[in-house]
Protein backbone atom coordinates (compact mmCIF):
# COMPACT_ATOMS: atom_id res chain seq x y z
CA UNK A 1 129.92 41.48 122.41
CA UNK A 2 132.03 38.37 123.88
CA UNK A 3 130.08 36.56 126.42
CA UNK A 4 131.61 36.94 130.10
CA UNK A 5 130.94 34.95 133.21
CA UNK A 6 128.62 36.86 135.62
CA UNK A 7 128.62 35.76 139.30
CA UNK A 8 130.27 32.92 140.81
CA UNK A 9 132.23 30.02 139.11
CA UNK A 10 130.14 27.50 137.20
CA UNK A 11 127.51 26.01 139.29
CA UNK A 12 127.26 21.88 139.39
CA UNK A 13 123.69 21.06 138.70
CA UNK A 14 123.82 17.50 139.25
CA UNK A 15 124.54 14.20 137.27
CA UNK A 16 121.76 12.60 134.95
CA UNK A 17 121.23 9.48 132.83
CA UNK A 18 120.32 11.35 129.69
CA UNK A 19 121.11 15.17 128.88
CA UNK A 20 118.99 16.35 125.60
CA UNK A 21 120.11 19.80 124.22
CA UNK A 22 117.27 21.26 122.17
CA UNK A 23 113.48 21.00 123.08
CA UNK A 24 112.46 21.18 119.28
CA UNK A 25 110.79 18.73 117.13
CA UNK A 26 113.06 15.51 118.05
CA UNK A 27 114.04 16.96 121.52
CA UNK A 28 110.81 16.79 122.99
CA UNK A 29 109.96 13.25 121.56
CA UNK A 30 113.19 12.03 123.28
CA UNK A 31 112.08 13.49 126.62
CA UNK A 32 108.99 11.91 126.48
CA UNK A 33 110.12 8.75 125.46
CA UNK A 34 113.43 8.31 127.46
CA UNK A 35 111.77 9.20 130.83
CA UNK A 36 108.51 7.38 130.12
CA UNK A 37 109.44 4.33 132.17
CA UNK A 38 110.85 6.07 135.03
CA UNK A 39 113.94 4.12 135.01
CA UNK A 40 116.25 6.96 133.92
CA UNK A 41 116.91 10.75 134.80
CA UNK A 42 116.44 12.96 131.74
CA UNK A 43 117.46 16.72 131.62
CA UNK A 44 116.32 18.80 128.78
CA UNK A 45 117.71 21.96 128.00
CA UNK A 46 115.91 24.75 125.84
CA UNK A 47 117.50 28.19 125.20
CA UNK A 48 114.36 29.80 124.46
CA UNK A 49 111.28 30.20 126.93
CA UNK A 50 107.76 28.58 127.36
CA UNK A 51 105.38 28.08 124.69
CA UNK A 52 102.89 30.31 126.55
CA UNK A 53 102.40 32.68 123.44
CA UNK A 54 98.74 32.64 122.02
CA UNK A 55 100.08 33.14 118.63
CA UNK A 56 101.61 29.64 118.96
CA UNK A 57 98.36 28.32 119.42
CA UNK A 58 96.35 29.97 116.30
CA UNK A 59 97.54 28.31 113.15
CA UNK A 60 97.62 31.42 111.48
CA UNK A 61 99.62 32.89 113.99
CA UNK A 62 102.75 31.80 112.35
CA UNK A 63 102.83 34.83 110.38
CA UNK A 64 103.22 36.89 113.68
CA UNK A 65 106.15 34.35 114.93
CA UNK A 66 108.23 34.70 111.63
CA UNK A 67 110.57 37.49 113.12
CA UNK A 68 109.32 37.61 116.78
CA UNK A 69 111.92 38.92 118.96
CA UNK A 70 111.91 36.29 121.57
CA UNK A 71 110.45 33.19 120.12
CA UNK A 72 112.85 33.21 116.92
CA UNK A 73 116.39 33.14 116.65
CA UNK A 74 116.18 35.53 113.72
CA UNK A 75 118.87 34.16 111.95
CA UNK A 76 120.08 35.20 108.31
CA UNK A 77 121.97 33.45 105.64
CA UNK A 78 125.37 34.90 104.54
CA UNK A 79 125.25 36.80 101.35
CA UNK A 80 124.10 34.51 98.74
CA UNK A 81 126.30 34.35 95.70
CA UNK A 82 123.76 33.12 93.38
CA UNK A 83 121.03 35.18 94.42
CA UNK A 84 122.29 38.72 94.08
CA UNK A 85 124.21 38.48 97.07
CA UNK A 86 121.21 38.85 99.07
CA UNK A 87 120.74 37.56 102.67
CA UNK A 88 117.92 35.26 103.11
CA UNK A 89 115.90 35.01 106.52
CA UNK A 90 116.19 31.70 108.31
CA UNK A 91 113.50 31.91 111.11
CA UNK A 92 114.14 28.92 113.73
CA UNK A 93 112.05 28.39 116.87
CA UNK A 94 113.60 29.61 119.94
CA UNK A 95 111.08 28.09 122.53
CA UNK A 96 109.60 24.89 124.00
CA UNK A 97 108.64 22.98 120.47
CA UNK A 98 111.43 24.35 118.57
CA UNK A 99 110.38 25.30 115.23
CA UNK A 100 107.22 22.98 115.30
CA UNK A 101 105.99 26.02 117.44
CA UNK A 102 106.30 28.61 114.83
CA UNK A 103 106.23 26.58 111.64
CA UNK A 104 103.61 26.72 109.05
CA UNK A 105 101.78 23.20 110.29
CA UNK A 106 102.06 21.43 107.01
CA UNK A 107 102.26 17.71 107.49
CA UNK A 108 104.25 15.99 104.48
CA UNK A 109 106.51 12.99 105.33
CA UNK A 110 108.38 12.89 101.68
CA UNK A 111 108.57 10.09 99.52
CA UNK A 112 109.33 6.47 100.21
CA UNK A 113 112.16 6.74 97.82
CA UNK A 114 113.80 9.70 100.24
CA UNK A 115 114.46 6.91 102.70
CA UNK A 116 115.49 4.26 100.75
CA UNK A 117 118.26 6.56 99.61
CA UNK A 118 119.09 7.13 103.01
CA UNK A 119 119.44 3.62 103.38
CA UNK A 120 121.56 3.02 100.35
CA UNK A 121 123.93 5.91 101.32
CA UNK A 122 124.70 3.98 104.31
CA UNK A 123 121.82 4.71 106.80
CA UNK A 124 121.35 0.90 107.65
CA UNK A 125 117.93 0.74 109.29
CA UNK A 126 116.53 3.90 107.59
CA UNK A 127 114.63 2.48 104.48
CA UNK A 128 111.02 3.17 104.05
CA UNK A 129 109.85 0.01 105.64
CA UNK A 130 112.05 0.76 108.56
CA UNK A 131 110.81 4.33 109.39
CA UNK A 132 107.03 3.85 108.47
CA UNK A 133 106.31 2.19 112.14
CA UNK A 134 107.63 5.27 113.62
CA UNK A 135 105.49 7.65 111.29
CA UNK A 136 102.64 5.53 112.33
CA UNK A 137 103.73 5.64 116.04
CA UNK A 138 104.07 9.47 116.12
CA UNK A 139 100.85 10.44 114.53
CA UNK A 140 97.08 10.53 115.27
CA UNK A 141 95.50 10.51 112.10
CA UNK A 142 91.93 12.12 111.89
CA UNK A 143 91.04 9.70 109.06
CA UNK A 144 91.70 6.70 111.18
CA UNK A 145 94.58 4.14 111.04
CA UNK A 146 95.56 1.97 108.22
CA UNK A 147 98.62 0.46 106.81
CA UNK A 148 100.15 3.69 106.10
CA UNK A 149 98.93 5.82 109.04
CA UNK A 150 98.57 5.59 112.99
CA UNK A 151 95.76 6.83 115.01
CA UNK A 152 97.13 6.77 118.30
CA UNK A 153 100.14 9.09 118.52
CA UNK A 154 101.09 12.18 120.13
CA UNK A 155 100.89 14.38 116.75
CA UNK A 156 97.26 15.03 115.39
CA UNK A 157 97.30 15.09 111.51
CA UNK A 158 94.02 16.92 110.54
CA UNK A 159 92.27 18.08 107.54
CA UNK A 160 91.67 21.97 106.67
CA UNK A 161 88.71 22.64 108.74
CA UNK A 162 86.86 23.87 105.57
CA UNK A 163 87.55 24.26 101.97
CA UNK A 164 88.05 27.50 100.21
CA UNK A 165 86.42 28.58 96.70
CA UNK A 166 90.06 29.46 95.70
CA UNK A 167 91.59 26.29 96.60
CA UNK A 168 88.84 24.51 94.79
CA UNK A 169 89.68 26.43 91.76
CA UNK A 170 93.51 25.95 92.14
CA UNK A 171 92.58 22.13 92.54
CA UNK A 172 90.43 22.20 89.63
CA UNK A 173 92.91 24.21 87.17
CA UNK A 174 95.77 21.66 87.89
CA UNK A 175 93.55 18.65 87.20
CA UNK A 176 92.26 20.13 84.04
CA UNK A 177 95.94 20.00 82.93
CA UNK A 178 95.98 16.19 83.38
CA UNK A 179 97.64 15.99 86.82
CA UNK A 180 95.80 13.60 89.23
CA UNK A 181 94.09 14.81 92.20
CA UNK A 182 95.51 13.50 95.45
CA UNK A 183 93.55 13.55 98.79
CA UNK A 184 96.53 11.97 100.75
CA UNK A 185 99.91 13.33 100.06
CA UNK A 186 101.33 10.95 102.49
CA UNK A 187 99.34 8.00 100.88
CA UNK A 188 100.50 5.41 98.27
CA UNK A 189 101.69 8.18 95.87
CA UNK A 190 102.67 11.75 96.64
CA UNK A 191 101.97 13.05 93.30
CA UNK A 192 99.01 15.08 92.63
CA UNK A 193 97.01 18.18 93.75
CA UNK A 194 94.90 18.58 96.77
CA UNK A 195 94.24 19.89 100.29
CA UNK A 196 97.40 19.79 102.92
CA UNK A 197 96.83 18.29 106.22
CA UNK A 198 98.10 20.00 109.31
CA UNK A 199 99.37 19.53 112.81
CA UNK A 200 96.38 20.87 114.48
CA UNK A 201 93.50 19.45 116.57
CA UNK A 202 90.17 21.57 116.90
CA UNK A 203 91.62 24.61 115.20
CA UNK A 204 94.51 24.81 117.40
CA UNK A 205 98.58 23.89 116.36
CA UNK A 206 99.77 21.14 118.30
CA UNK A 207 103.56 21.20 118.36
CA UNK A 208 105.76 18.88 119.46
CA UNK A 209 105.96 20.54 123.02
CA UNK A 210 102.24 20.19 123.37
CA UNK A 211 101.94 16.67 121.98
CA UNK A 212 105.12 15.03 123.53
CA UNK A 213 106.34 17.27 126.22
CA UNK A 214 103.49 18.70 128.03
CA UNK A 215 102.31 15.04 129.04
CA UNK A 216 105.68 14.22 130.35
CA UNK A 217 106.35 17.50 132.56
CA UNK A 218 104.85 16.10 135.77
CA UNK A 219 107.16 13.27 135.68
CA UNK A 220 109.95 13.48 138.56
CA UNK A 221 112.67 12.04 136.48
CA UNK A 222 112.51 14.59 133.93
CA UNK A 223 113.80 18.09 134.43
CA UNK A 224 113.11 20.85 131.83
CA UNK A 225 115.13 24.05 132.00
CA UNK A 226 114.04 26.85 129.89
CA UNK A 227 116.54 29.92 128.79
CA UNK A 228 119.51 27.62 129.11
CA UNK A 229 121.98 28.65 126.17
CA UNK A 230 124.16 25.42 125.99
CA UNK A 231 127.78 26.69 125.38
CA UNK A 232 129.63 23.42 124.98
CA UNK A 233 129.69 19.75 125.57
CA UNK A 234 132.51 18.74 127.38
CA UNK A 235 134.80 15.65 126.56
CA UNK A 236 137.36 13.68 128.43
CA UNK A 237 139.29 10.84 127.02
CA UNK A 238 137.09 10.57 123.80
CA UNK A 239 133.90 10.52 125.65
CA UNK A 240 131.48 13.22 126.35
CA UNK A 241 130.79 13.81 129.97
CA UNK A 242 129.10 16.96 130.57
CA UNK A 243 127.16 19.86 129.06
CA UNK A 244 127.74 23.67 130.07
CA UNK A 245 125.16 26.29 129.96
CA UNK A 246 124.37 29.78 130.57
CA UNK A 247 121.10 31.20 132.33
CA UNK A 248 120.19 34.18 133.88
CA UNK A 249 123.76 35.63 134.26
CA UNK A 250 125.14 32.46 135.52
CA UNK A 251 127.01 29.63 134.07
CA UNK A 252 125.98 25.90 134.99
CA UNK A 253 126.88 22.26 134.12
CA UNK A 254 125.29 19.02 134.63
CA UNK A 255 127.16 15.46 134.20
CA UNK A 256 125.77 12.56 132.06
CA UNK A 257 126.13 9.00 133.39
CA UNK A 258 124.73 7.79 130.42
CA UNK A 259 124.51 9.68 126.92
CA UNK A 260 124.40 13.32 125.73
CA UNK A 261 122.01 13.84 122.97
CA UNK A 262 122.13 17.12 120.86
CA UNK A 263 118.81 17.81 119.40
CA UNK A 264 119.43 21.70 118.69
CA UNK A 265 118.85 21.39 115.14
CA UNK A 266 120.58 21.87 111.58
CA UNK A 267 121.87 25.22 112.42
CA UNK A 268 122.70 25.17 116.30
CA UNK A 269 123.90 21.46 116.71
CA UNK A 270 127.02 21.85 114.49
CA UNK A 271 127.74 25.16 115.92
CA UNK A 272 127.72 23.44 119.58
CA UNK A 273 129.88 20.73 118.28
CA UNK A 274 132.29 23.11 117.01
CA UNK A 275 132.15 25.41 119.88
CA UNK A 276 133.05 22.16 121.80
CA UNK A 277 136.18 21.34 119.68
CA UNK A 278 134.83 19.22 117.22
CA UNK A 279 134.93 20.26 113.55
CA UNK A 280 137.10 21.28 110.71
CA UNK A 281 140.51 22.03 111.99
CA UNK A 282 141.51 25.40 110.36
CA UNK A 283 138.09 26.67 111.26
CA UNK A 284 138.46 26.02 114.94
CA UNK A 285 142.04 26.99 114.76
CA UNK A 286 141.11 30.40 113.41
CA UNK A 287 138.47 31.27 116.08
CA UNK A 288 141.01 30.04 118.80
CA UNK A 289 138.81 27.00 119.99
CA UNK A 290 141.01 24.10 121.33
CA UNK A 291 140.76 21.36 118.75
CA UNK A 292 139.51 17.95 120.23
CA UNK A 293 139.06 16.35 116.78
CA UNK A 294 139.40 17.36 113.22
CA UNK A 295 135.92 16.30 111.62
CA UNK A 296 135.76 18.43 108.22
CA UNK A 297 132.01 17.43 107.63
CA UNK A 298 130.73 18.93 111.05
CA UNK A 299 128.75 21.94 109.63
CA UNK A 300 128.93 20.74 105.79
CA UNK A 301 126.16 19.27 103.89
CA UNK A 302 123.73 21.98 104.55
CA UNK A 303 120.43 21.88 102.23
CA UNK A 304 117.28 23.65 102.29
CA UNK A 305 114.08 23.89 100.14
CA UNK A 306 114.11 27.25 98.14
CA UNK A 307 111.24 28.71 96.85
CA UNK A 308 109.70 31.46 94.13
CA UNK A 309 106.30 32.92 94.72
CA UNK A 310 103.61 34.50 92.42
CA UNK A 311 101.46 37.19 93.73
CA UNK A 312 98.19 37.06 92.03
CA UNK A 313 95.29 39.74 92.33
CA UNK A 314 91.91 38.31 92.39
CA UNK A 315 88.52 39.57 90.90
CA UNK A 316 86.50 38.33 94.09
CA UNK A 317 87.25 39.78 97.55
CA UNK A 318 87.62 36.19 99.21
CA UNK A 319 91.32 36.35 100.27
CA UNK A 320 92.56 36.84 103.51
CA UNK A 321 94.09 40.59 102.55
CA UNK A 322 90.06 41.37 102.38
CA UNK A 323 89.32 39.83 105.65
CA UNK A 324 92.23 41.37 107.29
CA UNK A 325 91.27 44.84 105.77
CA UNK A 326 87.92 45.38 107.08
CA UNK A 327 87.08 45.58 110.91
CA UNK A 328 83.54 43.88 110.51
CA UNK A 329 85.43 40.81 108.79
CA UNK A 330 88.13 40.84 111.06
CA UNK A 331 85.41 40.67 113.98
CA UNK A 332 83.56 37.81 112.17
CA UNK A 333 86.71 35.35 111.43
CA UNK A 334 87.64 36.25 115.19
CA UNK A 335 84.23 35.18 116.37
CA UNK A 336 84.10 32.12 114.02
CA UNK A 337 87.48 30.87 115.44
CA UNK A 338 86.39 31.34 119.10
CA UNK A 339 83.04 29.71 118.55
CA UNK A 340 83.67 26.99 115.79
CA UNK A 341 87.21 26.66 115.31
CA UNK A 342 87.12 27.29 111.81
CA UNK A 343 87.73 29.85 109.23
CA UNK A 344 90.94 31.84 108.10
CA UNK A 345 92.58 31.59 111.60
CA UNK A 346 92.88 27.95 111.23
CA UNK A 347 94.70 27.76 107.82
CA UNK A 348 98.31 26.52 107.74
CA UNK A 349 101.17 27.84 105.27
CA UNK A 350 99.98 25.64 102.60
CA UNK A 351 96.22 25.43 102.14
CA UNK A 352 95.96 23.37 98.92
CA UNK A 353 99.14 22.24 97.06
CA UNK A 354 100.63 19.92 94.42
CA UNK A 355 103.56 17.49 94.15
CA UNK A 356 104.46 17.54 90.24
CA UNK A 357 106.89 16.48 88.25
CA UNK A 358 108.73 19.31 86.20
CA UNK A 359 109.64 16.71 83.26
CA UNK A 360 107.17 13.95 82.24
CA UNK A 361 110.26 11.27 82.17
CA UNK A 362 110.77 11.68 86.06
CA UNK A 363 110.07 8.88 88.17
CA UNK A 364 108.63 11.00 90.92
CA UNK A 365 107.63 14.59 91.60
CA UNK A 366 110.40 17.06 91.79
CA UNK A 367 108.32 20.35 92.71
CA UNK A 368 106.02 21.14 95.44
CA UNK A 369 103.39 23.97 95.16
CA UNK A 370 101.56 25.77 97.86
CA UNK A 371 98.47 27.99 97.45
CA UNK A 372 97.93 30.30 100.29
CA UNK A 373 94.81 32.73 100.15
CA UNK A 374 96.67 35.84 100.94
CA UNK A 375 99.75 37.83 99.65
CA UNK A 376 102.58 39.96 101.07
CA UNK A 377 105.79 41.31 99.71
CA UNK A 378 107.73 39.18 102.51
CA UNK A 379 106.61 36.71 105.07
CA UNK A 380 105.92 38.28 108.44
CA UNK A 381 105.01 41.76 106.76
CA UNK A 382 101.70 43.36 106.33
CA UNK A 383 99.34 41.82 103.67
CA UNK A 384 98.73 43.66 100.52
CA UNK A 385 95.95 46.35 100.17
CA UNK A 386 94.46 44.27 97.42
CA UNK A 387 92.50 40.95 96.99
CA UNK A 388 95.45 38.74 96.67
CA UNK A 389 96.56 35.22 96.71
CA UNK A 390 99.95 33.48 96.31
CA UNK A 391 101.03 30.29 94.71
CA UNK A 392 104.79 29.21 95.36
CA UNK A 393 106.97 26.65 93.83
CA UNK A 394 109.75 24.73 95.43
CA UNK A 395 112.44 22.31 94.26
CA UNK A 396 111.98 19.03 96.34
CA UNK A 397 115.42 17.71 95.79
CA UNK A 398 118.18 20.72 95.48
CA UNK A 399 121.71 19.63 94.60
CA UNK A 400 123.13 22.68 96.23
CA UNK A 401 125.16 22.32 99.36
CA UNK A 402 126.21 24.94 102.04
CA UNK A 403 127.51 25.33 105.34
CA UNK A 404 126.97 26.27 108.88
CA UNK A 405 130.29 27.69 110.72
CA UNK A 406 130.84 29.23 114.18
CA UNK A 407 131.86 32.65 113.67
CA UNK A 408 133.30 33.33 116.97
CA UNK A 409 134.18 31.37 120.25
CA UNK A 410 131.54 33.53 121.72
CA UNK A 411 128.54 30.90 122.05
CA UNK A 412 126.33 34.00 121.77
CA UNK A 413 127.54 34.91 118.24
CA UNK A 414 125.32 33.52 115.41
CA UNK A 415 126.77 31.16 113.27
CA UNK A 416 127.46 32.06 109.55
CA UNK A 417 124.73 29.90 107.78
CA UNK A 418 125.57 29.73 103.91
CA UNK A 419 123.05 27.34 102.06
CA UNK A 420 124.56 28.23 98.69
CA UNK A 421 121.37 28.48 96.99
CA UNK A 422 120.94 27.69 93.48
CA UNK A 423 124.83 26.90 93.29
CA UNK A 424 124.12 24.02 90.95
CA UNK A 425 122.78 24.65 87.36
CA UNK A 426 120.30 22.00 87.68
CA UNK A 427 118.68 23.73 90.59
CA UNK A 428 118.07 26.65 88.72
CA UNK A 429 116.87 24.91 85.71
CA UNK A 430 114.02 22.83 88.05
CA UNK A 431 113.09 26.30 89.60
CA UNK A 432 112.63 27.87 86.23
CA UNK A 433 110.34 24.77 85.34
CA UNK A 434 108.51 25.02 88.49
CA UNK A 435 107.88 28.64 87.81
CA UNK A 436 106.51 27.71 84.43
CA UNK A 437 104.14 25.07 86.07
CA UNK A 438 102.52 28.08 88.25
CA UNK A 439 102.03 29.88 85.10
CA UNK A 440 100.15 26.91 83.40
CA UNK A 441 98.07 26.53 86.20
CA UNK A 442 97.05 30.06 86.78
CA UNK A 443 96.30 30.20 82.94
CA UNK A 444 93.75 27.17 83.31
CA UNK A 445 89.96 27.45 84.50
CA UNK A 446 88.66 27.64 86.70
CA UNK A 447 91.44 29.59 88.46
CA UNK A 448 91.93 31.89 85.67
CA UNK A 449 88.47 33.10 86.17
CA UNK A 450 89.67 34.55 89.53
CA UNK A 451 92.67 36.09 88.23
CA UNK A 452 92.69 39.98 87.47
CA UNK A 453 96.61 40.39 87.00
CA UNK A 454 99.76 38.80 88.18
CA UNK A 455 101.10 41.45 90.52
CA UNK A 456 104.68 39.53 90.95
CA UNK A 457 106.67 39.26 88.82
CA UNK A 458 104.19 40.46 86.09
CA UNK A 459 103.47 39.06 82.62
CA UNK A 460 106.57 40.89 81.20
CA UNK A 461 108.86 38.35 82.78
CA UNK A 462 108.39 35.53 80.35
CA UNK A 463 111.36 33.95 78.93
CA UNK A 464 113.96 31.63 80.58
CA UNK A 465 116.43 34.26 81.45
CA UNK A 466 114.05 37.00 82.94
CA UNK A 467 112.49 34.06 85.00
CA UNK A 468 115.72 33.01 86.37
CA UNK A 469 116.64 36.67 87.03
CA UNK A 470 113.38 37.21 89.22
CA UNK A 471 114.03 33.82 90.87
CA UNK A 472 117.61 35.19 92.03
CA UNK A 473 116.25 38.66 93.21
CA UNK A 474 113.26 37.48 95.08
CA UNK A 475 113.31 33.64 95.93
CA UNK A 476 113.86 32.56 99.39
CA UNK A 477 114.01 29.87 101.84
CA UNK A 478 111.25 27.55 102.85
CA UNK A 479 112.97 27.00 106.14
CA UNK A 480 113.67 23.35 105.77
CA UNK A 481 117.60 23.48 106.90
CA UNK A 482 119.18 19.99 107.26
CA UNK A 483 121.98 17.73 106.80
CA UNK A 484 124.89 19.23 108.66
CA UNK A 485 126.00 16.32 110.77
CA UNK A 486 125.46 13.84 108.05
CA UNK A 487 124.62 10.06 108.71
CA UNK A 488 126.50 7.50 106.84
CA UNK A 489 128.57 4.39 106.60
CA UNK A 490 131.86 6.09 105.45
CA UNK A 491 134.50 7.51 107.86
CA UNK A 492 133.70 10.88 106.83
CA UNK A 493 130.00 10.97 107.83
CA UNK A 494 129.56 12.45 111.25
CA UNK A 495 127.26 10.12 112.63
CA UNK A 496 126.49 6.30 111.96
CA UNK A 497 123.36 4.78 111.57
CA UNK A 498 122.49 4.53 115.13
CA UNK A 499 123.10 8.32 115.30
CA UNK A 500 126.30 8.04 117.38
CA UNK A 501 128.77 10.63 116.67
CA UNK A 502 131.90 9.14 115.25
CA UNK A 503 134.96 9.12 117.37
CA UNK A 504 133.40 10.35 120.74
CA UNK A 505 131.59 8.09 122.84
CA UNK A 506 128.18 8.73 124.61
CA UNK A 507 127.49 11.55 122.00
CA UNK A 508 124.49 11.16 119.66
CA UNK A 509 122.65 13.56 117.35
CA UNK A 510 119.09 13.11 117.04
CA UNK A 511 117.23 16.00 114.74
CA UNK A 512 117.11 16.97 111.10
CA UNK A 513 121.00 17.43 110.91
CA UNK A 514 121.46 13.93 110.62
CA UNK A 515 119.51 13.71 106.97
CA UNK A 516 122.03 12.63 104.40
CA UNK A 517 119.64 14.66 102.06
CA UNK A 518 116.49 16.68 102.66
CA UNK A 519 113.41 14.69 102.12
CA UNK A 520 110.74 15.48 99.40
CA UNK A 521 108.57 18.11 101.29
CA UNK A 522 108.14 19.74 104.69
CA UNK A 523 110.58 18.45 107.14
CA UNK A 524 108.81 18.47 110.88
CA UNK A 525 107.12 15.06 110.20
CA UNK A 526 110.28 13.39 109.43
CA UNK A 527 112.20 15.17 112.15
CA UNK A 528 109.52 13.78 114.71
CA UNK A 529 110.17 10.08 113.19
CA UNK A 530 113.98 10.64 113.63
CA UNK A 531 113.30 11.61 117.22
CA UNK A 532 111.09 8.18 117.70
CA UNK A 533 113.45 6.22 116.08
CA UNK A 534 116.39 7.55 117.81
CA UNK A 535 114.60 7.23 121.08
CA UNK A 536 114.41 3.58 120.75
CA UNK A 537 118.03 3.21 119.67
CA UNK A 538 119.08 4.91 122.82
CA UNK A 539 116.98 2.75 124.91
CA UNK A 540 117.87 -0.46 123.36
CA UNK A 541 121.77 0.65 123.98
CA UNK A 542 120.85 1.62 127.61
CA UNK A 543 119.17 -1.85 128.16
CA UNK A 544 122.54 -3.51 127.03
CA UNK A 545 124.70 -1.25 128.98
CA UNK A 546 127.70 0.63 127.78
CA UNK A 547 131.37 -0.43 127.33
CA UNK A 548 133.35 0.72 130.23
CA UNK A 549 132.89 3.50 132.73
CA UNK A 550 129.67 4.25 134.14
CA UNK A 551 126.34 2.23 132.90
CA UNK A 552 122.96 3.50 133.13
CA UNK A 553 121.60 2.11 136.38
CA UNK A 554 118.36 3.66 136.84
CA UNK A 555 117.59 7.22 138.14
CA UNK A 556 120.92 9.25 138.92
CA UNK A 557 121.67 9.14 142.54
CA UNK A 558 123.60 12.13 142.24
CA UNK A 559 120.78 14.25 140.99
CA UNK A 560 120.69 17.50 142.58
CA UNK A 561 118.05 20.06 143.52
CA UNK A 562 118.13 22.69 140.79
CA UNK A 563 115.99 25.18 142.62
CA UNK A 564 115.65 28.31 140.65
CA UNK A 565 116.92 26.57 137.44
CA UNK A 566 114.23 24.05 137.33
CA UNK A 567 111.33 25.15 135.13
CA UNK A 568 108.06 24.83 136.86
CA UNK A 569 105.86 21.94 136.09
CA UNK A 570 103.57 22.39 133.29
CA UNK A 571 100.11 23.07 133.96
C-alpha cells in the first residue's frame, strides 16, 4: 500500500545540531556521546518503540523476539538462487536498541586481521591498533581491565552464569582432536574452543539502549522520538539539510545546523539513501524517485554470515527442551532466574563455541561453531519434544556479495534484500568443511557419550554432494548483515575513512553498513566500536567548524517544542 499524507501539511519540528536516524547499536552510542557535553542539541529518531518488553531483558528471550510483530522488522530475503530459491528470514530490531535489543547477546570482536584489512582497503585509521581503544572504551569487562579489555564502559561483557555439562563435553571433544582451549575469544588469539562471553549483567541483557541511551535520556539537549519512520533525507545544493519522518498519521521534518547521521543499519540505511535520491541511476528512475546523485554502490556489497545446523538427540535429559516440556522444571528454572539470576534463562545464542581452521594451512580461523543446549526446526519455533541440542557452523569471511534495493518510492515498502548466499564456489567448500568439523567433534568423546542420534541431517548425509544439498536446503543467516555503504579511499566507495558520504556535505553513515567486509564473528561489538569512533570524528569536525554555511554553534536556538512528538524521559 502506498503511503499517503494524513492530516495537515508537514510539521516543522525544529532545528538541531545533529540528527541521528536509527537508535540501534551505533545510534545509541552517538546519542550519548554527541549530547554528553551539553554543547550540542541532538535529535534521535527511531522507527520502533520503547524497549519495555520483559523479553528484551531476559537473555533467552531472544527466541520470543525472533519474529515479534512490533519489535522486529521481520524482513525476508529475496528467493536465494543457490538455496533452492528459498527466502531466508532477516530479523532486525525495530525498537530502541535496534538489533542489540533482540540479538543473541554473544560478544565477539573479530580478528585483528579484519581491521588491518579495512585499513589496507582504504579505511585510514581503522586498523586494529586504531580501533582497539574504542573497544576498550565501550566495554565493562567482568574480568577486569588489561591491555586488550576495558572495565569502565557502558556495555558489560560477562561470563556464562554457570557451566553446563553438555558444553563441557563439547569443549572436551574439541580439544581431544587437538584444537586449543580458549578462555577468551577476544584475547590475543581467537582460535580455539570455550564458553562465549555475552552482553549481560546480573542475568539481564544490556543492549545499546540500556548501556548508552538510558543514562542520557534525561539530558535537555537530547530529544528522542520513537515510532518515527524516516522517509527521506533532504539535500539542497549538495548538502544534507533536513530529515523527514512519519509518525502517528502525520508527517514531520527537522533541519540540521550541523550534520545528519544515518545509523539505521545495513538494510535501512541504503534504503533511506535511495528513497532520498542517492543510489544507482537505473534503480531510482525505475521507481520514479528524483535522482540527486548516481551512486552505483549504495546498497551493494551486502554480506552476511551463513550457517548450517546439526541437531543431535541427547541420551541425558539435561537440555532446555527437557526443561520447557515439564511444568515442574519450568517453574524451577524461572525461580532460579528470579532469585539467583542464573540458569537456562540467562543463556545467550551461543553457550559454548569455537573458532577453527577448516584447513591446517590457513593463517587464522575461518569457521565459527556455536553449541546451544536446545533444538528446534527453525529459530523462533517451538522446541523439539525430545532431548535435543544444536551445533552450527558458520563461514567467517564469505566471498559472496549481495545487495539491498528499494522496491518502491513508498518508504513503508520493504526493500529487496539479496545476500546472494553461496554464490561463490569457495563459500560452499568452506561450509562443507565446517559441517565436517561438527561431525568430527560430535564423534569424539566425551560429547559422543551423550549422543543417541543425529536427527538432522542424519547419518545418510555423508558425502560432499549430499552435505552440500543439505546446506542449500536448510542453511540460513546468522543475522550479521553489513557492508552496503562501503568505506574506502576509491571514488566508488560510498563513505570515506571519516564515514562522510562522498558527494554530499554534512551527511555521515555510522553503522555496520560501512564495513568493507564483515568481521570474523558476531557484529554487535564491532558496530558499537564504529559508533564510538564515529562520535569522536563528528565531534572533532564540529570543534573545527564546517566549511561554509552554518557552523555548529552550541545548542540550537531554533529548537522547537516537540509536544506529543517528544518521547517521555526514560525513568
